[in-house]
Amino acid sequence: QPSRPVDLAAQLQAPVLGLYGALDRGIPLADVEQMRQRLIAARSPSTITVYDGADHGFLADYRPSYNATAAAAGWAAALAWFKERL
């Protein structure tokens, strides 16, 4: 039976990098905050970042939702995340 990621947060064995757009209607900010709180409760060394003015797919430069500022910041965050952990 499918589960939402937030329902599995306490069981995760790896840190999570979450990069979200504040305008994303498919992933409400309340859900993002709930995930953040569950990861904190699970003592997961995770990072959740919300980009103001960004919508779902803000990194996809072929979509109308592309946001150059958020995309650059998100890409830099992802590269730093992997560099630190790999």
PDB file of N, CA and C in Angstrom:
ATOM      1  N   GLN A   1       0.849  -1.179   0.000  1.00  0.00           N
ATOM      2  CA  GLN A   1       0.000   0.000   0.000  1.00  0.00           C
ATOM      3  C   GLN A   1       0.892   1.239   0.000  1.00  0.00           C
ATOM      4  N   PRO A   2       0.675   2.152  -0.909  1.00  0.00           N
ATOM      5  CA  PRO A   2       1.527   3.348  -0.971  1.00  0.00           C
ATOM      6  C   PRO A   2       1.444   4.173   0.313  1.00  0.00           C
ATOM      7  N   SER A   3       2.566   4.738   0.663  1.00  0.00           N
ATOM      8  CA  SER A   3       2.650   5.633   1.812  1.00  0.00           C
ATOM      9  C   SER A   3       3.228   6.960   1.353  1.00  0.00           C
ATOM     10  N   ARG A   4       2.860   8.003   2.053  1.00  0.00           N
ATOM     11  CA  ARG A   4       3.447   9.313   1.779  1.00  0.00           C
ATOM     12  C   ARG A   4       4.822   9.372   2.429  1.00  0.00           C
ATOM     13  N   PRO A   5       5.781  10.081   1.848  1.00  0.00           N
ATOM     14  CA  PRO A   5       7.108  10.185   2.459  1.00  0.00           C
ATOM     15  C   PRO A   5       7.059  10.650   3.915  1.00  0.00           C
ATOM     16  N   VAL A   6       6.162  11.566   4.211  1.00  0.00           N
ATOM     17  CA  VAL A   6       6.074  12.071   5.576  1.00  0.00           C
ATOM     18  C   VAL A   6       5.702  10.959   6.561  1.00  0.00           C
ATOM     19  N   ASP A   7       4.964   9.963   6.092  1.00  0.00           N
ATOM     20  CA  ASP A   7       4.578   8.851   6.959  1.00  0.00           C
ATOM     21  C   ASP A   7       5.735   7.893   7.216  1.00  0.00           C
ATOM     22  N   LEU A   8       6.772   7.981   6.401  1.00  0.00           N
ATOM     23  CA  LEU A   8       7.923   7.088   6.520  1.00  0.00           C
ATOM     24  C   LEU A   8       9.152   7.776   7.109  1.00  0.00           C
ATOM     25  N   ALA A   9       9.048   9.032   7.454  1.00  0.00           N
ATOM     26  CA  ALA A   9      10.212   9.815   7.889  1.00  0.00           C
ATOM     27  C   ALA A   9      10.966   9.165   9.041  1.00  0.00           C
ATOM     28  N   ALA A  10      10.274   8.619  10.005  1.00  0.00           N
ATOM     29  CA  ALA A  10      10.936   8.018  11.164  1.00  0.00           C
ATOM     30  C   ALA A  10      11.696   6.748  10.808  1.00  0.00           C
ATOM     31  N   GLN A  11      11.379   6.137   9.680  1.00  0.00           N
ATOM     32  CA  GLN A  11      12.017   4.882   9.273  1.00  0.00           C
ATOM     33  C   GLN A  11      13.198   5.093   8.325  1.00  0.00           C
ATOM     34  N   LEU A  12      13.398   6.297   7.849  1.00  0.00           N
ATOM     35  CA  LEU A  12      14.449   6.548   6.870  1.00  0.00           C
ATOM     36  C   LEU A  12      15.824   6.315   7.474  1.00  0.00           C
ATOM     37  N   GLN A  13      16.694   5.726   6.683  1.00  0.00           N
ATOM     38  CA  GLN A  13      18.048   5.411   7.133  1.00  0.00           C
ATOM     39  C   GLN A  13      19.089   6.340   6.504  1.00  0.00           C
ATOM     40  N   ALA A  14      18.661   7.302   5.735  1.00  0.00           N
ATOM     41  CA  ALA A  14      19.569   8.238   5.072  1.00  0.00           C
ATOM     42  C   ALA A  14      19.020   9.643   5.219  1.00  0.00           C
ATOM     43  N   PRO A  15      19.891  10.639   5.202  1.00  0.00           N
ATOM     44  CA  PRO A  15      19.419  12.021   5.275  1.00  0.00           C
ATOM     45  C   PRO A  15      18.636  12.393   4.015  1.00  0.00           C
ATOM     46  N   VAL A  16      17.782  13.375   4.162  1.00  0.00           N
ATOM     47  CA  VAL A  16      16.915  13.835   3.075  1.00  0.00           C
ATOM     48  C   VAL A  16      17.291  15.263   2.714  1.00  0.00           C
ATOM     49  N   LEU A  17      17.381  15.527   1.426  1.00  0.00           N
ATOM     50  CA  LEU A  17      17.510  16.891   0.927  1.00  0.00           C
ATOM     51  C   LEU A  17      16.205  17.209   0.223  1.00  0.00           C
ATOM     52  N   GLY A  18      15.458  18.142   0.762  1.00  0.00           N
ATOM     53  CA  GLY A  18      14.190  18.544   0.169  1.00  0.00           C
ATOM     54  C   GLY A  18      14.280  19.974  -0.324  1.00  0.00           C
ATOM     55  N   LEU A  19      14.061  20.176  -1.611  1.00  0.00           N
ATOM     56  CA  LEU A  19      14.090  21.501  -2.230  1.00  0.00           C
ATOM     57  C   LEU A  19      12.709  21.761  -2.813  1.00  0.00           C
ATOM     58  N   TYR A  20      11.990  22.694  -2.234  1.00  0.00           N
ATOM     59  CA  TYR A  20      10.586  22.913  -2.581  1.00  0.00           C
ATOM     60  C   TYR A  20      10.338  24.351  -3.018  1.00  0.00           C
ATOM     61  N   GLY A  21       9.352  24.507  -3.874  1.00  0.00           N
ATOM     62  CA  GLY A  21       8.895  25.833  -4.259  1.00  0.00           C
ATOM     63  C   GLY A  21       7.737  26.252  -3.375  1.00  0.00           C
ATOM     64  N   ALA A  22       7.796  27.463  -2.886  1.00  0.00           N
ATOM     65  CA  ALA A  22       6.743  27.965  -1.998  1.00  0.00           C
ATOM     66  C   ALA A  22       5.390  28.040  -2.685  1.00  0.00           C
ATOM     67  N   LEU A  23       5.382  28.140  -4.001  1.00  0.00           N
ATOM     68  CA  LEU A  23       4.124  28.266  -4.752  1.00  0.00           C
ATOM     69  C   LEU A  23       3.584  26.931  -5.244  1.00  0.00           C
ATOM     70  N   ASP A  24       4.251  25.850  -4.914  1.00  0.00           N
ATOM     71  CA  ASP A  24       3.844  24.520  -5.381  1.00  0.00           C
ATOM     72  C   ASP A  24       2.512  24.143  -4.736  1.00  0.00           C
ATOM     73  N   ARG A  25       1.463  24.007  -5.554  1.00  0.00           N
ATOM     74  CA  ARG A  25       0.147  23.641  -5.031  1.00  0.00           C
ATOM     75  C   ARG A  25       0.015  22.139  -4.819  1.00  0.00           C
ATOM     76  N   GLY A  26       0.906  21.362  -5.429  1.00  0.00           N
ATOM     77  CA  GLY A  26       0.861  19.907  -5.276  1.00  0.00           C
ATOM     78  C   GLY A  26       1.507  19.413  -3.997  1.00  0.00           C
ATOM     79  N   ILE A  27       2.414  20.206  -3.466  1.00  0.00           N
ATOM     80  CA  ILE A  27       3.076  19.885  -2.197  1.00  0.00           C
ATOM     81  C   ILE A  27       2.913  21.110  -1.297  1.00  0.00           C
ATOM     82  N   PRO A  28       1.827  21.174  -0.553  1.00  0.00           N
ATOM     83  CA  PRO A  28       1.551  22.353   0.280  1.00  0.00           C
ATOM     84  C   PRO A  28       2.636  22.585   1.330  1.00  0.00           C
ATOM     85  N   LEU A  29       2.851  23.843   1.662  1.00  0.00           N
ATOM     86  CA  LEU A  29       3.864  24.194   2.661  1.00  0.00           C
ATOM     87  C   LEU A  29       3.606  23.518   4.003  1.00  0.00           C
ATOM     88  N   ALA A  30       2.346  23.283   4.328  1.00  0.00           N
ATOM     89  CA  ALA A  30       2.035  22.581   5.579  1.00  0.00           C
ATOM     90  C   ALA A  30       2.613  21.166   5.554  1.00  0.00           C
ATOM     91  N   ASP A  31       2.579  20.514   4.394  1.00  0.00           N
ATOM     92  CA  ASP A  31       3.155  19.178   4.265  1.00  0.00           C
ATOM     93  C   ASP A  31       4.676  19.221   4.356  1.00  0.00           C
ATOM     94  N   VAL A  32       5.274  20.242   3.748  1.00  0.00           N
ATOM     95  CA  VAL A  32       6.731  20.401   3.823  1.00  0.00           C
ATOM     96  C   VAL A  32       7.149  20.591   5.279  1.00  0.00           C
ATOM     97  N   GLU A  33       6.427  21.426   5.998  1.00  0.00           N
ATOM     98  CA  GLU A  33       6.765  21.675   7.407  1.00  0.00           C
ATOM     99  C   GLU A  33       6.552  20.419   8.243  1.00  0.00           C
ATOM    100  N   GLN A  34       5.522  19.669   7.953  1.00  0.00           N
ATOM    101  CA  GLN A  34       5.285  18.417   8.673  1.00  0.00           C
ATOM    102  C   GLN A  34       6.448  17.449   8.450  1.00  0.00           C
ATOM    103  N   MET A  35       6.938  17.373   7.228  1.00  0.00           N
ATOM    104  CA  MET A  35       8.080  16.515   6.931  1.00  0.00           C
ATOM    105  C   MET A  35       9.307  16.991   7.689  1.00  0.00           C
ATOM    106  N   ARG A  36       9.545  18.300   7.687  1.00  0.00           N
ATOM    107  CA  ARG A  36      10.683  18.861   8.418  1.00  0.00           C
ATOM    108  C   ARG A  36      10.608  18.473   9.899  1.00  0.00           C
ATOM    109  N   GLN A  37       9.447  18.619  10.494  1.00  0.00           N
ATOM    110  CA  GLN A  37       9.295  18.312  11.916  1.00  0.00           C
ATOM    111  C   GLN A  37       9.483  16.819  12.205  1.00  0.00           C
ATOM    112  N   ARG A  38       9.005  15.985  11.320  1.00  0.00           N
ATOM    113  CA  ARG A  38       9.182  14.533  11.529  1.00  0.00           C
ATOM    114  C   ARG A  38      10.634  14.117  11.362  1.00  0.00           C
ATOM    115  N   LEU A  39      11.344  14.736  10.451  1.00  0.00           N
ATOM    116  CA  LEU A  39      12.769  14.442  10.295  1.00  0.00           C
ATOM    117  C   LEU A  39      13.551  14.912  11.519  1.00  0.00           C
ATOM    118  N   ILE A  40      13.177  16.058  12.054  1.00  0.00           N
ATOM    119  CA  ILE A  40      13.819  16.548  13.280  1.00  0.00           C
ATOM    120  C   ILE A  40      13.552  15.575  14.418  1.00  0.00           C
ATOM    121  N   ALA A  41      12.323  15.143  14.556  1.00  0.00           N
ATOM    122  CA  ALA A  41      11.967  14.193  15.617  1.00  0.00           C
ATOM    123  C   ALA A  41      12.714  12.874  15.457  1.00  0.00           C
ATOM    124  N   ALA A  42      12.989  12.481  14.221  1.00  0.00           N
ATOM    125  CA  ALA A  42      13.710  11.240  13.951  1.00  0.00           C
ATOM    126  C   ALA A  42      15.224  11.434  14.059  1.00  0.00           C
ATOM    127  N   ARG A  43      15.637  12.657  14.360  1.00  0.00           N
ATOM    128  CA  ARG A  43      17.065  13.005  14.468  1.00  0.00           C
ATOM    129  C   ARG A  43      17.818  12.722  13.174  1.00  0.00           C
ATOM    130  N   SER A  44      17.138  12.946  12.080  1.00  0.00           N
ATOM    131  CA  SER A  44      17.732  12.755  10.761  1.00  0.00           C
ATOM    132  C   SER A  44      18.511  14.009  10.379  1.00  0.00           C
ATOM    133  N   PRO A  45      19.764  13.850   9.945  1.00  0.00           N
ATOM    134  CA  PRO A  45      20.550  15.014   9.524  1.00  0.00           C
ATOM    135  C   PRO A  45      20.117  15.484   8.133  1.00  0.00           C
ATOM    136  N   SER A  46      18.915  15.965   8.044  1.00  0.00           N
ATOM    137  CA  SER A  46      18.308  16.328   6.778  1.00  0.00           C
ATOM    138  C   SER A  46      18.201  17.833   6.620  1.00  0.00           C
ATOM    139  N   THR A  47      18.002  18.267   5.380  1.00  0.00           N
ATOM    140  CA  THR A  47      17.840  19.683   5.067  1.00  0.00           C
ATOM    141  C   THR A  47      16.611  19.858   4.196  1.00  0.00           C
ATOM    142  N   ILE A  48      15.731  20.736   4.612  1.00  0.00           N
ATOM    143  CA  ILE A  48      14.539  21.086   3.845  1.00  0.00           C
ATOM    144  C   ILE A  48      14.625  22.585   3.558  1.00  0.00           C
ATOM    145  N   THR A  49      14.565  22.951   2.280  1.00  0.00           N
ATOM    146  CA  THR A  49      14.633  24.351   1.884  1.00  0.00           C
ATOM    147  C   THR A  49      13.433  24.674   1.009  1.00  0.00           C
ATOM    148  N   VAL A  50      12.816  25.814   1.285  1.00  0.00           N
ATOM    149  CA  VAL A  50      11.680  26.295   0.490  1.00  0.00           C
ATOM    150  C   VAL A  50      12.116  27.585  -0.190  1.00  0.00           C
ATOM    151  N   TYR A  51      11.932  27.642  -1.500  1.00  0.00           N
ATOM    152  CA  TYR A  51      12.322  28.811  -2.283  1.00  0.00           C
ATOM    153  C   TYR A  51      11.108  29.683  -2.553  1.00  0.00           C
ATOM    154  N   ASP A  52      11.145  30.901  -2.013  1.00  0.00           N
ATOM    155  CA  ASP A  52      10.059  31.861  -2.225  1.00  0.00           C
ATOM    156  C   ASP A  52       9.930  32.182  -3.714  1.00  0.00           C
ATOM    157  N   GLY A  53       8.720  32.312  -4.166  1.00  0.00           N
ATOM    158  CA  GLY A  53       8.466  32.675  -5.554  1.00  0.00           C
ATOM    159  C   GLY A  53       8.635  31.543  -6.552  1.00  0.00           C
ATOM    160  N   ALA A  54       9.001  30.368  -6.073  1.00  0.00           N
ATOM    161  CA  ALA A  54       9.218  29.224  -6.956  1.00  0.00           C
ATOM    162  C   ALA A  54       8.020  28.283  -6.912  1.00  0.00           C
ATOM    163  N   ASP A  55       7.729  27.699  -8.058  1.00  0.00           N
ATOM    164  CA  ASP A  55       6.625  26.758  -8.189  1.00  0.00           C
ATOM    165  C   ASP A  55       7.189  25.354  -8.376  1.00  0.00           C
ATOM    166  N   HIS A  56       6.314  24.387  -8.531  1.00  0.00           N
ATOM    167  CA  HIS A  56       6.729  23.014  -8.800  1.00  0.00           C
ATOM    168  C   HIS A  56       7.526  22.980 -10.106  1.00  0.00           C
ATOM    169  N   GLY A  57       8.615  22.273 -10.131  1.00  0.00           N
ATOM    170  CA  GLY A  57       9.430  22.175 -11.333  1.00  0.00           C
ATOM    171  C   GLY A  57      10.297  23.392 -11.578  1.00  0.00           C
ATOM    172  N   PHE A  58      10.634  24.120 -10.530  1.00  0.00           N
ATOM    173  CA  PHE A  58      11.389  25.360 -10.688  1.00  0.00           C
ATOM    174  C   PHE A  58      12.787  25.147 -11.279  1.00  0.00           C
ATOM    175  N   LEU A  59      13.296  23.924 -11.224  1.00  0.00           N
ATOM    176  CA  LEU A  59      14.617  23.625 -11.791  1.00  0.00           C
ATOM    177  C   LEU A  59      14.557  23.245 -13.272  1.00  0.00           C
ATOM    178  N   ALA A  60      13.396  22.983 -13.801  1.00  0.00           N
ATOM    179  CA  ALA A  60      13.242  22.509 -15.180  1.00  0.00           C
ATOM    180  C   ALA A  60      13.189  23.703 -16.133  1.00  0.00           C
ATOM    181  N   ASP A  61      14.306  23.971 -16.816  1.00  0.00           N
ATOM    182  CA  ASP A  61      14.377  25.167 -17.655  1.00  0.00           C
ATOM    183  C   ASP A  61      13.538  25.092 -18.923  1.00  0.00           C
ATOM    184  N   TYR A  62      12.888  23.988 -19.160  1.00  0.00           N
ATOM    185  CA  TYR A  62      12.005  23.830 -20.317  1.00  0.00           C
ATOM    186  C   TYR A  62      10.528  23.999 -19.936  1.00  0.00           C
ATOM    187  N   ARG A  63      10.265  24.315 -18.669  1.00  0.00           N
ATOM    188  CA  ARG A  63       8.880  24.465 -18.211  1.00  0.00           C
ATOM    189  C   ARG A  63       8.590  25.926 -17.884  1.00  0.00           C
ATOM    190  N   PRO A  64       7.328  26.316 -17.989  1.00  0.00           N
ATOM    191  CA  PRO A  64       6.964  27.686 -17.616  1.00  0.00           C
ATOM    192  C   PRO A  64       7.229  27.995 -16.139  1.00  0.00           C
ATOM    193  N   SER A  65       7.300  26.977 -15.312  1.00  0.00           N
ATOM    194  CA  SER A  65       7.527  27.175 -13.877  1.00  0.00           C
ATOM    195  C   SER A  65       9.001  27.386 -13.528  1.00  0.00           C
ATOM    196  N   TYR A  66       9.883  27.353 -14.515  1.00  0.00           N
ATOM    197  CA  TYR A  66      11.312  27.549 -14.272  1.00  0.00           C
ATOM    198  C   TYR A  66      11.551  28.876 -13.564  1.00  0.00           C
ATOM    199  N   ASN A  67      12.379  28.830 -12.539  1.00  0.00           N
ATOM    200  CA  ASN A  67      12.737  30.025 -11.769  1.00  0.00           C
ATOM    201  C   ASN A  67      14.258  30.036 -11.674  1.00  0.00           C
ATOM    202  N   ALA A  68      14.904  30.900 -12.458  1.00  0.00           N
ATOM    203  CA  ALA A  68      16.366  30.901 -12.559  1.00  0.00           C
ATOM    204  C   ALA A  68      17.052  31.101 -11.209  1.00  0.00           C
ATOM    205  N   THR A  69      16.532  31.985 -10.390  1.00  0.00           N
ATOM    206  CA  THR A  69      17.159  32.256  -9.096  1.00  0.00           C
ATOM    207  C   THR A  69      17.064  31.045  -8.185  1.00  0.00           C
ATOM    208  N   ALA A  70      15.867  30.487  -8.060  1.00  0.00           N
ATOM    209  CA  ALA A  70      15.686  29.304  -7.209  1.00  0.00           C
ATOM    210  C   ALA A  70      16.438  28.111  -7.774  1.00  0.00           C
ATOM    211  N   ALA A  71      16.456  27.982  -9.107  1.00  0.00           N
ATOM    212  CA  ALA A  71      17.157  26.862  -9.733  1.00  0.00           C
ATOM    213  C   ALA A  71      18.646  26.917  -9.430  1.00  0.00           C
ATOM    214  N   ALA A  72      19.247  28.093  -9.549  1.00  0.00           N
ATOM    215  CA  ALA A  72      20.679  28.227  -9.265  1.00  0.00           C
ATOM    216  C   ALA A  72      20.971  27.898  -7.807  1.00  0.00           C
ATOM    217  N   ALA A  73      20.143  28.398  -6.917  1.00  0.00           N
ATOM    218  CA  ALA A  73      20.343  28.125  -5.488  1.00  0.00           C
ATOM    219  C   ALA A  73      20.127  26.650  -5.180  1.00  0.00           C
ATOM    220  N   GLY A  74      19.091  26.056  -5.749  1.00  0.00           N
ATOM    221  CA  GLY A  74      18.794  24.650  -5.511  1.00  0.00           C
ATOM    222  C   GLY A  74      19.881  23.738  -6.056  1.00  0.00           C
ATOM    223  N   TRP A  75      20.372  24.059  -7.256  1.00  0.00           N
ATOM    224  CA  TRP A  75      21.435  23.252  -7.862  1.00  0.00           C
ATOM    225  C   TRP A  75      22.703  23.331  -7.020  1.00  0.00           C
ATOM    226  N   ALA A  76      23.054  24.524  -6.569  1.00  0.00           N
ATOM    227  CA  ALA A  76      24.234  24.694  -5.714  1.00  0.00           C
ATOM    228  C   ALA A  76      24.064  23.920  -4.406  1.00  0.00           C
ATOM    229  N   ALA A  77      22.865  23.960  -3.847  1.00  0.00           N
ATOM    230  CA  ALA A  77      22.596  23.227  -2.600  1.00  0.00           C
ATOM    231  C   ALA A  77      22.729  21.719  -2.816  1.00  0.00           C
ATOM    232  N   ALA A  78      22.226  21.233  -3.945  1.00  0.00           N
ATOM    233  CA  ALA A  78      22.310  19.800  -4.230  1.00  0.00           C
ATOM    234  C   ALA A  78      23.761  19.358  -4.422  1.00  0.00           C
ATOM    235  N   LEU A  79      24.532  20.136  -5.171  1.00  0.00           N
ATOM    236  CA  LEU A  79      25.944  19.786  -5.372  1.00  0.00           C
ATOM    237  C   LEU A  79      26.705  19.798  -4.057  1.00  0.00           C
ATOM    238  N   ALA A  80      26.464  20.786  -3.217  1.00  0.00           N
ATOM    239  CA  ALA A  80      27.134  20.862  -1.915  1.00  0.00           C
ATOM    240  C   ALA A  80      26.720  19.688  -1.039  1.00  0.00           C
ATOM    241  N   TRP A  81      25.459  19.320  -1.095  1.00  0.00           N
ATOM    242  CA  TRP A  81      24.925  18.205  -0.317  1.00  0.00           C
ATOM    243  C   TRP A  81      25.675  16.909  -0.665  1.00  0.00           C
ATOM    244  N   PHE A  82      25.784  16.648  -1.964  1.00  0.00           N
ATOM    245  CA  PHE A  82      26.460  15.426  -2.400  1.00  0.00           C
ATOM    246  C   PHE A  82      27.965  15.485  -2.131  1.00  0.00           C
ATOM    247  N   LYS A  83      28.568  16.627  -2.321  1.00  0.00           N
ATOM    248  CA  LYS A  83      29.999  16.755  -2.054  1.00  0.00           C
ATOM    249  C   LYS A  83      30.308  16.466  -0.595  1.00  0.00           C
ATOM    250  N   GLU A  84      29.443  16.918   0.288  1.00  0.00           N
ATOM    251  CA  GLU A  84      29.634  16.704   1.724  1.00  0.00           C
ATOM    252  C   GLU A  84      29.425  15.240   2.119  1.00  0.00           C
ATOM    253  N   ARG A  85      28.539  14.550   1.416  1.00  0.00           N
ATOM    254  CA  ARG A  85      28.134  13.202   1.852  1.00  0.00           C
ATOM    255  C   ARG A  85      28.738  12.055   1.055  1.00  0.00           C
ATOM    256  N   LEU A  86      29.350  12.348  -0.079  1.00  0.00           N
ATOM    257  CA  LEU A  86      29.917  11.254  -0.899  1.00  0.00           C
ATOM    258  C   LEU A  86      31.423  11.223  -0.805  1.00  0.00           C
TER     259      LEU A  86
END
